[in-house]
Amino acid sequence: MSVPVVVGVDGSASSLDAVDLAAREARLRGCGLRVVHAFVWPTMHALPGPSRLGPPGGGLRDMVGRMVAEAVERARSAEPEVAVSNTVVTGEPLTVLEAQSRKAAMVVVGSRGRGGFMGLLLGSTAVHLASHGHCPILVVRQQPRPARPVVLGVDGSQAGEAAVEFAFAEAALRGAPLTALHTWTLWNASLPALQDETMPYTDPPGELRDAEERLVAEALAGHGERYPGVRVEHRVVRGSARETLIEASRDAGLLVVGARGRGGFTGLLLGSVSQALLHHAHCPVAVVKGPDAQR
């Protein structure tokens, strides 16, 4: 039996948007969808059972049950053919989602939430989920645009190979084109491209750019044969990874990046670039780790 797509819900509008996208991803993959809510007692200021001052169904557990049922109904309405299950797990959201990611095709979350998922993508919690999850993490930034291309941040690192594979597979599932985007500067270009690493300006005009274009071609090699229906555009841009990726996300249906890399994407999820993408991208963002990092 195939592993499901997992979506974290907390009753917020953002998490319901995540349900829509997660249901679609499950349909594309031909797998089930699991709706998950993390139930955290210390942060709840409500009675666990029915309130003496309210209706019989007004307790905290009933409230959570109604919230999860709403998410399940939303998923079934969006994709009727997808088998939807649900679970409420007592624990901190990041711990719960990390555990769920061990047996998931991907984990989908909204960019903003409330209750158990409040602040999920603000600060260190985003880094934790992206760093310690065991499958791709898909963050719903804005309403998905299925007809738009998949944009892949390419850095040529071994760790980034999983992101390349995921992006090709996702483009094939969506029937969308793929834009492979690589950024570089004089200070993060691959050292083999330099005649003298202490004097980066000694290279003939265009040599560094040519080396970076070869890096992209090598990173994508073989994937075109495995996904012949995916139309691929290569883009090599001299400039900031942060600004370039955010701008590219304006016309994208999905932005795919690796969890760690080199060159223009060094430390992508360990500093300001990751925060910029998670807060300012104009489309959903998928963070994909290499197989060694997932173990």
C-alpha atoms as a PDB file:
ATOM      1  CA  MET A   1       0.000   0.000   0.000  1.00  0.00           C
ATOM      2  CA  SER A   2       1.390   3.429  -0.973  1.00  0.00           C
ATOM      3  CA  VAL A   3       2.249   5.963   1.705  1.00  0.00           C
ATOM      4  CA  PRO A   4      -0.176   8.897   1.959  1.00  0.00           C
ATOM      5  CA  VAL A   5       0.191  12.631   1.609  1.00  0.00           C
ATOM      6  CA  VAL A   6      -0.079  14.193   5.086  1.00  0.00           C
ATOM      7  CA  VAL A   7      -1.589  17.620   5.745  1.00  0.00           C
ATOM      8  CA  GLY A   8      -1.378  19.460   9.060  1.00  0.00           C
ATOM      9  CA  VAL A   9      -4.566  21.313  10.026  1.00  0.00           C
ATOM     10  CA  ASP A  10      -5.477  23.711  12.811  1.00  0.00           C
ATOM     11  CA  GLY A  11      -8.731  25.248  11.604  1.00  0.00           C
ATOM     12  CA  SER A  12      -7.122  28.336  10.062  1.00  0.00           C
ATOM     13  CA  ALA A  13      -7.860  29.512   6.528  1.00  0.00           C
ATOM     14  CA  SER A  14      -4.242  28.801   5.618  1.00  0.00           C
ATOM     15  CA  SER A  15      -4.479  25.173   6.724  1.00  0.00           C
ATOM     16  CA  LEU A  16      -7.685  24.709   4.727  1.00  0.00           C
ATOM     17  CA  ASP A  17      -5.840  25.999   1.658  1.00  0.00           C
ATOM     18  CA  ALA A  18      -3.204  23.384   2.471  1.00  0.00           C
ATOM     19  CA  VAL A  19      -5.941  20.723   2.534  1.00  0.00           C
ATOM     20  CA  ASP A  20      -6.983  21.670  -1.001  1.00  0.00           C
ATOM     21  CA  LEU A  21      -3.441  21.384  -2.318  1.00  0.00           C
ATOM     22  CA  ALA A  22      -2.702  18.211  -0.360  1.00  0.00           C
ATOM     23  CA  ALA A  23      -5.821  16.532  -1.756  1.00  0.00           C
ATOM     24  CA  ARG A  24      -4.719  17.439  -5.265  1.00  0.00           C
ATOM     25  CA  GLU A  25      -1.220  16.082  -4.651  1.00  0.00           C
ATOM     26  CA  ALA A  26      -2.724  12.833  -3.347  1.00  0.00           C
ATOM     27  CA  ARG A  27      -4.865  12.490  -6.471  1.00  0.00           C
ATOM     28  CA  LEU A  28      -1.886  13.115  -8.746  1.00  0.00           C
ATOM     29  CA  ARG A  29       0.101  10.431  -6.922  1.00  0.00           C
ATOM     30  CA  GLY A  30      -2.767   7.957  -6.718  1.00  0.00           C
ATOM     31  CA  CYS A  31      -2.419   7.691  -2.943  1.00  0.00           C
ATOM     32  CA  GLY A  32      -4.479   8.508   0.133  1.00  0.00           C
ATOM     33  CA  LEU A  33      -4.592  11.693   2.197  1.00  0.00           C
ATOM     34  CA  ARG A  34      -4.153  11.803   5.974  1.00  0.00           C
ATOM     35  CA  VAL A  35      -5.475  14.872   7.822  1.00  0.00           C
ATOM     36  CA  VAL A  36      -3.479  15.424  11.034  1.00  0.00           C
ATOM     37  CA  HIS A  37      -4.101  17.728  13.981  1.00  0.00           C
ATOM     38  CA  ALA A  38      -1.620  18.177  16.839  1.00  0.00           C
ATOM     39  CA  PHE A  39      -3.481  18.467  20.132  1.00  0.00           C
ATOM     40  CA  VAL A  40      -1.509  20.491  22.690  1.00  0.00           C
ATOM     41  CA  TRP A  41      -3.066  20.665  26.142  1.00  0.00           C
ATOM     42  CA  PRO A  42      -0.828  23.350  27.715  1.00  0.00           C
ATOM     43  CA  THR A  43      -1.641  25.951  25.071  1.00  0.00           C
ATOM     44  CA  MET A  44      -5.398  25.400  25.181  1.00  0.00           C
ATOM     45  CA  HIS A  45      -7.501  27.492  27.544  1.00  0.00           C
ATOM     46  CA  ALA A  46     -10.733  25.536  27.302  1.00  0.00           C
ATOM     47  CA  LEU A  47     -12.383  22.734  29.214  1.00  0.00           C
ATOM     48  CA  PRO A  48     -11.608  19.214  27.930  1.00  0.00           C
ATOM     49  CA  GLY A  49     -15.260  18.159  28.101  1.00  0.00           C
ATOM     50  CA  PRO A  50     -18.639  19.833  27.602  1.00  0.00           C
ATOM     51  CA  SER A  51     -18.894  23.177  29.378  1.00  0.00           C
ATOM     52  CA  ARG A  52     -21.482  23.535  32.119  1.00  0.00           C
ATOM     53  CA  LEU A  53     -22.176  26.994  30.733  1.00  0.00           C
ATOM     54  CA  GLY A  54     -22.573  25.972  27.128  1.00  0.00           C
ATOM     55  CA  PRO A  55     -24.161  23.349  24.868  1.00  0.00           C
ATOM     56  CA  PRO A  56     -23.340  19.638  25.365  1.00  0.00           C
ATOM     57  CA  GLY A  57     -21.040  19.659  22.355  1.00  0.00           C
ATOM     58  CA  GLY A  58     -19.043  22.690  23.419  1.00  0.00           C
ATOM     59  CA  GLY A  59     -15.984  20.950  24.923  1.00  0.00           C
ATOM     60  CA  LEU A  60     -12.470  21.174  23.555  1.00  0.00           C
ATOM     61  CA  ARG A  61     -12.429  17.674  22.100  1.00  0.00           C
ATOM     62  CA  ASP A  62     -15.719  18.279  20.340  1.00  0.00           C
ATOM     63  CA  MET A  63     -14.349  21.524  18.940  1.00  0.00           C
ATOM     64  CA  VAL A  64     -11.261  19.734  17.628  1.00  0.00           C
ATOM     65  CA  GLY A  65     -13.438  16.972  16.209  1.00  0.00           C
ATOM     66  CA  ARG A  66     -15.554  19.473  14.300  1.00  0.00           C
ATOM     67  CA  MET A  67     -12.460  21.228  12.984  1.00  0.00           C
ATOM     68  CA  VAL A  68     -10.925  17.993  11.719  1.00  0.00           C
ATOM     69  CA  ALA A  69     -14.271  16.890  10.224  1.00  0.00           C
ATOM     70  CA  GLU A  70     -14.451  20.187   8.330  1.00  0.00           C
ATOM     71  CA  ALA A  71     -10.985  19.600   6.901  1.00  0.00           C
ATOM     72  CA  VAL A  72     -11.882  16.040   5.883  1.00  0.00           C
ATOM     73  CA  GLU A  73     -15.060  17.228   4.171  1.00  0.00           C
ATOM     74  CA  ARG A  74     -13.097  19.932   2.389  1.00  0.00           C
ATOM     75  CA  ALA A  75     -10.641  17.362   1.072  1.00  0.00           C
ATOM     76  CA  ARG A  76     -13.395  15.018  -0.110  1.00  0.00           C
ATOM     77  CA  SER A  77     -15.200  17.859  -1.838  1.00  0.00           C
ATOM     78  CA  ALA A  78     -12.013  18.967  -3.580  1.00  0.00           C
ATOM     79  CA  GLU A  79     -10.969  15.475  -4.721  1.00  0.00           C
ATOM     80  CA  PRO A  80     -13.844  12.966  -4.310  1.00  0.00           C
ATOM     81  CA  GLU A  81     -11.808  10.003  -5.559  1.00  0.00           C
ATOM     82  CA  VAL A  82      -9.082  10.388  -2.900  1.00  0.00           C
ATOM     83  CA  ALA A  83      -9.364   8.184   0.205  1.00  0.00           C
ATOM     84  CA  VAL A  84      -9.174  10.522   3.213  1.00  0.00           C
ATOM     85  CA  SER A  85      -8.314   9.477   6.766  1.00  0.00           C
ATOM     86  CA  ASN A  86      -7.691  11.591   9.842  1.00  0.00           C
ATOM     87  CA  THR A  87      -5.971  11.466  13.195  1.00  0.00           C
ATOM     88  CA  VAL A  88      -5.628  13.703  16.246  1.00  0.00           C
ATOM     89  CA  VAL A  89      -2.268  13.264  17.960  1.00  0.00           C
ATOM     90  CA  THR A  90      -1.401  14.684  21.363  1.00  0.00           C
ATOM     91  CA  GLY A  91       1.907  16.522  21.125  1.00  0.00           C
ATOM     92  CA  GLU A  92       3.742  19.561  19.843  1.00  0.00           C
ATOM     93  CA  PRO A  93       3.033  20.208  16.142  1.00  0.00           C
ATOM     94  CA  LEU A  94       6.626  19.927  14.957  1.00  0.00           C
ATOM     95  CA  THR A  95       7.176  16.666  16.824  1.00  0.00           C
ATOM     96  CA  VAL A  96       3.913  15.284  15.476  1.00  0.00           C
ATOM     97  CA  LEU A  97       4.617  16.338  11.888  1.00  0.00           C
ATOM     98  CA  GLU A  98       8.171  15.038  11.986  1.00  0.00           C
ATOM     99  CA  ALA A  99       6.892  11.645  13.139  1.00  0.00           C
ATOM    100  CA  GLN A 100       4.185  11.657  10.464  1.00  0.00           C
ATOM    101  CA  SER A 101       6.773  12.490   7.792  1.00  0.00           C
ATOM    102  CA  ARG A 102       8.509   9.140   8.325  1.00  0.00           C
ATOM    103  CA  LYS A 103       5.687   7.379   6.490  1.00  0.00           C
ATOM    104  CA  ALA A 104       4.449  10.057   4.105  1.00  0.00           C
ATOM    105  CA  ALA A 105       4.900  10.907   0.442  1.00  0.00           C
ATOM    106  CA  MET A 106       5.019  14.551   1.536  1.00  0.00           C
ATOM    107  CA  VAL A 107       3.828  16.782   4.354  1.00  0.00           C
ATOM    108  CA  VAL A 108       1.756  19.838   3.415  1.00  0.00           C
ATOM    109  CA  VAL A 109       1.280  22.807   5.753  1.00  0.00           C
ATOM    110  CA  GLY A 110      -0.054  26.327   5.508  1.00  0.00           C
ATOM    111  CA  SER A 111       2.207  29.327   5.907  1.00  0.00           C
ATOM    112  CA  ARG A 112       0.177  30.788   8.757  1.00  0.00           C
ATOM    113  CA  GLY A 113      -1.981  29.153  11.378  1.00  0.00           C
ATOM    114  CA  ARG A 114      -3.508  29.262  14.785  1.00  0.00           C
ATOM    115  CA  GLY A 115      -3.789  26.936  17.729  1.00  0.00           C
ATOM    116  CA  GLY A 116      -1.380  24.017  17.495  1.00  0.00           C
ATOM    117  CA  PHE A 117       0.280  25.290  14.335  1.00  0.00           C
ATOM    118  CA  MET A 118       0.621  28.972  15.235  1.00  0.00           C
ATOM    119  CA  GLY A 119       3.988  30.319  14.135  1.00  0.00           C
ATOM    120  CA  LEU A 120       4.806  27.109  12.266  1.00  0.00           C
ATOM    121  CA  LEU A 121       6.787  28.965   9.620  1.00  0.00           C
ATOM    122  CA  LEU A 122       8.113  31.809  11.722  1.00  0.00           C
ATOM    123  CA  GLY A 123      11.699  31.554  12.907  1.00  0.00           C
ATOM    124  CA  SER A 124      13.392  28.356  14.036  1.00  0.00           C
ATOM    125  CA  THR A 125      10.307  26.146  13.690  1.00  0.00           C
ATOM    126  CA  ALA A 126      10.469  26.299   9.898  1.00  0.00           C
ATOM    127  CA  VAL A 127      14.131  25.375   9.933  1.00  0.00           C
ATOM    128  CA  HIS A 128      13.353  22.473  12.275  1.00  0.00           C
ATOM    129  CA  LEU A 129      10.641  21.023  10.062  1.00  0.00           C
ATOM    130  CA  ALA A 130      12.668  21.441   6.870  1.00  0.00           C
ATOM    131  CA  SER A 131      15.815  20.088   8.510  1.00  0.00           C
ATOM    132  CA  HIS A 132      14.348  17.101  10.335  1.00  0.00           C
ATOM    133  CA  GLY A 133      11.445  15.971   8.179  1.00  0.00           C
ATOM    134  CA  HIS A 134      11.819  12.639   6.391  1.00  0.00           C
ATOM    135  CA  CYS A 135      10.005  13.535   3.183  1.00  0.00           C
ATOM    136  CA  PRO A 136       9.436  16.640   1.047  1.00  0.00           C
ATOM    137  CA  ILE A 137       7.768  19.514   2.919  1.00  0.00           C
ATOM    138  CA  LEU A 138       5.280  21.568   0.894  1.00  0.00           C
ATOM    139  CA  VAL A 139       4.419  25.003   2.278  1.00  0.00           C
ATOM    140  CA  VAL A 140       1.335  26.720   0.865  1.00  0.00           C
ATOM    141  CA  ARG A 141       2.251  30.371   0.481  1.00  0.00           C
ATOM    142  CA  GLN A 142      -0.592  31.542  -1.759  1.00  0.00           C
ATOM    143  CA  GLN A 143      -3.384  29.877  -3.689  1.00  0.00           C
ATOM    144  CA  PRO A 144      -1.804  27.329  -6.077  1.00  0.00           C
ATOM    145  CA  ARG A 145      -1.779  28.047  -9.805  1.00  0.00           C
ATOM    146  CA  PRO A 146      -1.706  24.599 -11.439  1.00  0.00           C
ATOM    147  CA  ALA A 147      -1.172  25.830 -14.999  1.00  0.00           C
ATOM    148  CA  ARG A 148       2.036  27.689 -14.111  1.00  0.00           C
ATOM    149  CA  PRO A 149       5.527  26.169 -14.419  1.00  0.00           C
ATOM    150  CA  VAL A 150       7.448  24.401 -11.691  1.00  0.00           C
ATOM    151  CA  VAL A 151      10.547  26.457 -10.800  1.00  0.00           C
ATOM    152  CA  LEU A 152      13.564  24.506  -9.547  1.00  0.00           C
ATOM    153  CA  GLY A 153      16.466  26.119  -7.709  1.00  0.00           C
ATOM    154  CA  VAL A 154      19.575  24.322  -9.018  1.00  0.00           C
ATOM    155  CA  ASP A 155      22.938  24.457  -7.242  1.00  0.00           C
ATOM    156  CA  GLY A 156      24.688  21.395  -8.639  1.00  0.00           C
ATOM    157  CA  SER A 157      25.333  19.846  -5.232  1.00  0.00           C
ATOM    158  CA  GLN A 158      24.941  16.157  -4.527  1.00  0.00           C
ATOM    159  CA  ALA A 159      22.430  17.006  -1.812  1.00  0.00           C
ATOM    160  CA  GLY A 160      20.348  18.883  -4.390  1.00  0.00           C
ATOM    161  CA  GLU A 161      19.850  15.841  -6.610  1.00  0.00           C
ATOM    162  CA  ALA A 162      16.718  14.844  -4.686  1.00  0.00           C
ATOM    163  CA  ALA A 163      15.201  18.269  -5.370  1.00  0.00           C
ATOM    164  CA  VAL A 164      15.914  17.894  -9.089  1.00  0.00           C
ATOM    165  CA  GLU A 165      14.205  14.490  -9.193  1.00  0.00           C
ATOM    166  CA  PHE A 166      11.234  15.778  -7.196  1.00  0.00           C
ATOM    167  CA  ALA A 167      10.812  18.814  -9.470  1.00  0.00           C
ATOM    168  CA  PHE A 168      10.828  16.701 -12.650  1.00  0.00           C
ATOM    169  CA  ALA A 169       8.353  14.234 -11.157  1.00  0.00           C
ATOM    170  CA  GLU A 170       6.099  17.045  -9.954  1.00  0.00           C
ATOM    171  CA  ALA A 171       6.152  18.764 -13.354  1.00  0.00           C
ATOM    172  CA  ALA A 172       5.261  15.456 -15.027  1.00  0.00           C
ATOM    173  CA  LEU A 173       2.373  14.860 -12.621  1.00  0.00           C
ATOM    174  CA  ARG A 174       1.049  18.376 -13.159  1.00  0.00           C
ATOM    175  CA  GLY A 175       1.604  18.390 -16.918  1.00  0.00           C
ATOM    176  CA  ALA A 176       3.552  21.625 -16.386  1.00  0.00           C
ATOM    177  CA  PRO A 177       6.823  22.941 -17.826  1.00  0.00           C
ATOM    178  CA  LEU A 178       9.924  23.098 -15.629  1.00  0.00           C
ATOM    179  CA  THR A 179      12.195  26.121 -15.229  1.00  0.00           C
ATOM    180  CA  ALA A 180      15.624  25.175 -13.864  1.00  0.00           C
ATOM    181  CA  LEU A 181      17.049  28.322 -12.272  1.00  0.00           C
ATOM    182  CA  HIS A 182      20.630  28.770 -11.087  1.00  0.00           C
ATOM    183  CA  THR A 183      22.169  31.923  -9.643  1.00  0.00           C
ATOM    184  CA  TRP A 184      25.832  32.763  -9.222  1.00  0.00           C
ATOM    185  CA  THR A 185      28.215  35.557  -8.276  1.00  0.00           C
ATOM    186  CA  LEU A 186      31.981  35.927  -8.522  1.00  0.00           C
ATOM    187  CA  TRP A 187      32.217  34.843  -4.909  1.00  0.00           C
ATOM    188  CA  ASN A 188      30.172  31.652  -5.025  1.00  0.00           C
ATOM    189  CA  ALA A 189      31.027  30.295  -8.478  1.00  0.00           C
ATOM    190  CA  SER A 190      32.501  26.786  -8.512  1.00  0.00           C
ATOM    191  CA  LEU A 191      36.239  26.943  -7.816  1.00  0.00           C
ATOM    192  CA  PRO A 192      37.240  24.639 -10.725  1.00  0.00           C
ATOM    193  CA  ALA A 193      36.007  27.389 -13.038  1.00  0.00           C
ATOM    194  CA  LEU A 194      38.636  29.805 -11.693  1.00  0.00           C
ATOM    195  CA  GLN A 195      42.171  29.951 -13.101  1.00  0.00           C
ATOM    196  CA  ASP A 196      43.449  31.186  -9.756  1.00  0.00           C
ATOM    197  CA  GLU A 197      41.061  31.026  -6.805  1.00  0.00           C
ATOM    198  CA  THR A 198      42.822  34.025  -5.218  1.00  0.00           C
ATOM    199  CA  MET A 199      42.199  36.158  -8.328  1.00  0.00           C
ATOM    200  CA  PRO A 200      38.612  35.574  -9.537  1.00  0.00           C
ATOM    201  CA  TYR A 201      38.804  38.437 -12.036  1.00  0.00           C
ATOM    202  CA  THR A 202      41.513  36.752 -14.171  1.00  0.00           C
ATOM    203  CA  ASP A 203      38.981  34.639 -16.090  1.00  0.00           C
ATOM    204  CA  PRO A 204      38.233  35.583 -19.691  1.00  0.00           C
ATOM    205  CA  PRO A 205      34.844  37.266 -20.209  1.00  0.00           C
ATOM    206  CA  GLY A 206      32.038  34.730 -20.101  1.00  0.00           C
ATOM    207  CA  GLU A 207      34.090  31.829 -18.742  1.00  0.00           C
ATOM    208  CA  LEU A 208      32.476  31.831 -15.309  1.00  0.00           C
ATOM    209  CA  ARG A 209      28.997  31.984 -16.801  1.00  0.00           C
ATOM    210  CA  ASP A 210      29.815  29.132 -19.171  1.00  0.00           C
ATOM    211  CA  ALA A 211      31.017  27.044 -16.217  1.00  0.00           C
ATOM    212  CA  GLU A 212      27.800  27.734 -14.321  1.00  0.00           C
ATOM    213  CA  GLU A 213      25.711  26.759 -17.361  1.00  0.00           C
ATOM    214  CA  ARG A 214      27.622  23.477 -17.567  1.00  0.00           C
ATOM    215  CA  LEU A 215      26.899  22.924 -13.877  1.00  0.00           C
ATOM    216  CA  VAL A 216      23.160  23.217 -14.552  1.00  0.00           C
ATOM    217  CA  ALA A 217      23.340  20.886 -17.567  1.00  0.00           C
ATOM    218  CA  GLU A 218      25.199  18.280 -15.490  1.00  0.00           C
ATOM    219  CA  ALA A 219      22.692  18.572 -12.622  1.00  0.00           C
ATOM    220  CA  LEU A 220      19.787  17.898 -14.981  1.00  0.00           C
ATOM    221  CA  ALA A 221      21.507  15.200 -17.047  1.00  0.00           C
ATOM    222  CA  GLY A 222      19.441  12.039 -17.460  1.00  0.00           C
ATOM    223  CA  HIS A 223      16.218  13.456 -16.068  1.00  0.00           C
ATOM    224  CA  GLY A 224      14.970  14.572 -19.473  1.00  0.00           C
ATOM    225  CA  GLU A 225      15.150  10.978 -20.697  1.00  0.00           C
ATOM    226  CA  ARG A 226      13.179   9.736 -17.697  1.00  0.00           C
ATOM    227  CA  TYR A 227      10.575  12.483 -18.072  1.00  0.00           C
ATOM    228  CA  PRO A 228      10.358  13.051 -21.844  1.00  0.00           C
ATOM    229  CA  GLY A 229       7.029  14.869 -21.563  1.00  0.00           C
ATOM    230  CA  VAL A 230       8.454  17.664 -19.389  1.00  0.00           C
ATOM    231  CA  ARG A 231       9.506  20.782 -21.266  1.00  0.00           C
ATOM    232  CA  VAL A 232      12.576  22.283 -19.550  1.00  0.00           C
ATOM    233  CA  GLU A 233      13.913  25.830 -19.659  1.00  0.00           C
ATOM    234  CA  HIS A 234      17.408  26.551 -18.299  1.00  0.00           C
ATOM    235  CA  ARG A 235      18.037  29.923 -16.667  1.00  0.00           C
ATOM    236  CA  VAL A 236      21.454  30.993 -15.351  1.00  0.00           C
ATOM    237  CA  VAL A 237      21.328  34.358 -13.617  1.00  0.00           C
ATOM    238  CA  ARG A 238      24.156  36.371 -12.102  1.00  0.00           C
ATOM    239  CA  GLY A 239      22.724  37.817  -8.913  1.00  0.00           C
ATOM    240  CA  SER A 240      21.193  37.128  -5.525  1.00  0.00           C
ATOM    241  CA  ALA A 241      19.514  33.755  -4.986  1.00  0.00           C
ATOM    242  CA  ARG A 242      16.963  35.319  -2.636  1.00  0.00           C
ATOM    243  CA  GLU A 243      15.722  38.075  -4.914  1.00  0.00           C
ATOM    244  CA  THR A 244      15.910  35.926  -8.057  1.00  0.00           C
ATOM    245  CA  LEU A 245      13.880  33.061  -6.584  1.00  0.00           C
ATOM    246  CA  ILE A 246      11.256  35.336  -5.066  1.00  0.00           C
ATOM    247  CA  GLU A 247      10.820  37.146  -8.366  1.00  0.00           C
ATOM    248  CA  ALA A 248      10.618  33.853 -10.291  1.00  0.00           C
ATOM    249  CA  SER A 249       7.927  32.619  -7.894  1.00  0.00           C
ATOM    250  CA  ARG A 250       5.545  35.327  -9.145  1.00  0.00           C
ATOM    251  CA  ASP A 251       4.869  33.321 -12.305  1.00  0.00           C
ATOM    252  CA  ALA A 252       5.311  29.831 -10.837  1.00  0.00           C
ATOM    253  CA  GLY A 253       2.876  27.174  -9.727  1.00  0.00           C
ATOM    254  CA  LEU A 254       5.480  25.667  -7.400  1.00  0.00           C
ATOM    255  CA  LEU A 255       8.990  26.563  -6.226  1.00  0.00           C
ATOM    256  CA  VAL A 256      11.276  23.595  -5.431  1.00  0.00           C
ATOM    257  CA  VAL A 257      14.534  23.918  -3.498  1.00  0.00           C
ATOM    258  CA  GLY A 258      16.932  21.574  -1.753  1.00  0.00           C
ATOM    259  CA  ALA A 259      17.432  21.679   1.994  1.00  0.00           C
ATOM    260  CA  ARG A 260      21.143  22.398   1.690  1.00  0.00           C
ATOM    261  CA  GLY A 261      23.391  23.352  -1.177  1.00  0.00           C
ATOM    262  CA  ARG A 262      26.371  25.304  -2.422  1.00  0.00           C
ATOM    263  CA  GLY A 263      26.984  28.287  -4.639  1.00  0.00           C
ATOM    264  CA  GLY A 264      23.991  30.583  -4.891  1.00  0.00           C
ATOM    265  CA  PHE A 265      21.975  28.388  -2.536  1.00  0.00           C
ATOM    266  CA  THR A 266      24.512  27.769   0.240  1.00  0.00           C
ATOM    267  CA  GLY A 267      22.735  27.576   3.603  1.00  0.00           C
ATOM    268  CA  LEU A 268      19.392  27.982   1.892  1.00  0.00           C
ATOM    269  CA  LEU A 269      17.435  26.829   4.938  1.00  0.00           C
ATOM    270  CA  LEU A 270      19.869  28.017   7.556  1.00  0.00           C
ATOM    271  CA  GLY A 271      19.599  31.770   7.254  1.00  0.00           C
ATOM    272  CA  SER A 272      18.032  34.804   5.645  1.00  0.00           C
ATOM    273  CA  VAL A 273      17.408  33.200   2.237  1.00  0.00           C
ATOM    274  CA  SER A 274      15.154  30.526   3.709  1.00  0.00           C
ATOM    275  CA  GLN A 275      13.247  33.068   5.745  1.00  0.00           C
ATOM    276  CA  ALA A 276      12.771  35.239   2.661  1.00  0.00           C
ATOM    277  CA  LEU A 277      11.385  32.333   0.616  1.00  0.00           C
ATOM    278  CA  LEU A 278       9.061  31.097   3.340  1.00  0.00           C
ATOM    279  CA  HIS A 279       7.731  34.583   4.042  1.00  0.00           C
ATOM    280  CA  HIS A 280       7.745  36.196   0.599  1.00  0.00           C
ATOM    281  CA  ALA A 281       7.422  33.577  -2.162  1.00  0.00           C
ATOM    282  CA  HIS A 282       4.362  34.081  -4.349  1.00  0.00           C
ATOM    283  CA  CYS A 283       3.567  30.384  -4.757  1.00  0.00           C
ATOM    284  CA  PRO A 284       3.807  27.148  -2.750  1.00  0.00           C
ATOM    285  CA  VAL A 285       7.365  26.163  -1.773  1.00  0.00           C
ATOM    286  CA  ALA A 286       8.612  22.563  -1.626  1.00  0.00           C
ATOM    287  CA  VAL A 287      11.724  21.822   0.430  1.00  0.00           C
ATOM    288  CA  VAL A 288      13.367  18.528  -0.516  1.00  0.00           C
ATOM    289  CA  LYS A 289      16.191  16.821   1.352  1.00  0.00           C
ATOM    290  CA  GLY A 290      18.653  14.293  -0.010  1.00  0.00           C
ATOM    291  CA  PRO A 291      18.246  10.624   0.987  1.00  0.00           C
ATOM    292  CA  ASP A 292      21.197  10.745   3.392  1.00  0.00           C
ATOM    293  CA  ALA A 293      19.723  13.756   5.196  1.00  0.00           C
ATOM    294  CA  GLN A 294      16.308  12.106   5.435  1.00  0.00           C
ATOM    295  CA  ARG A 295      17.593   9.102   7.352  1.00  0.00           C
END
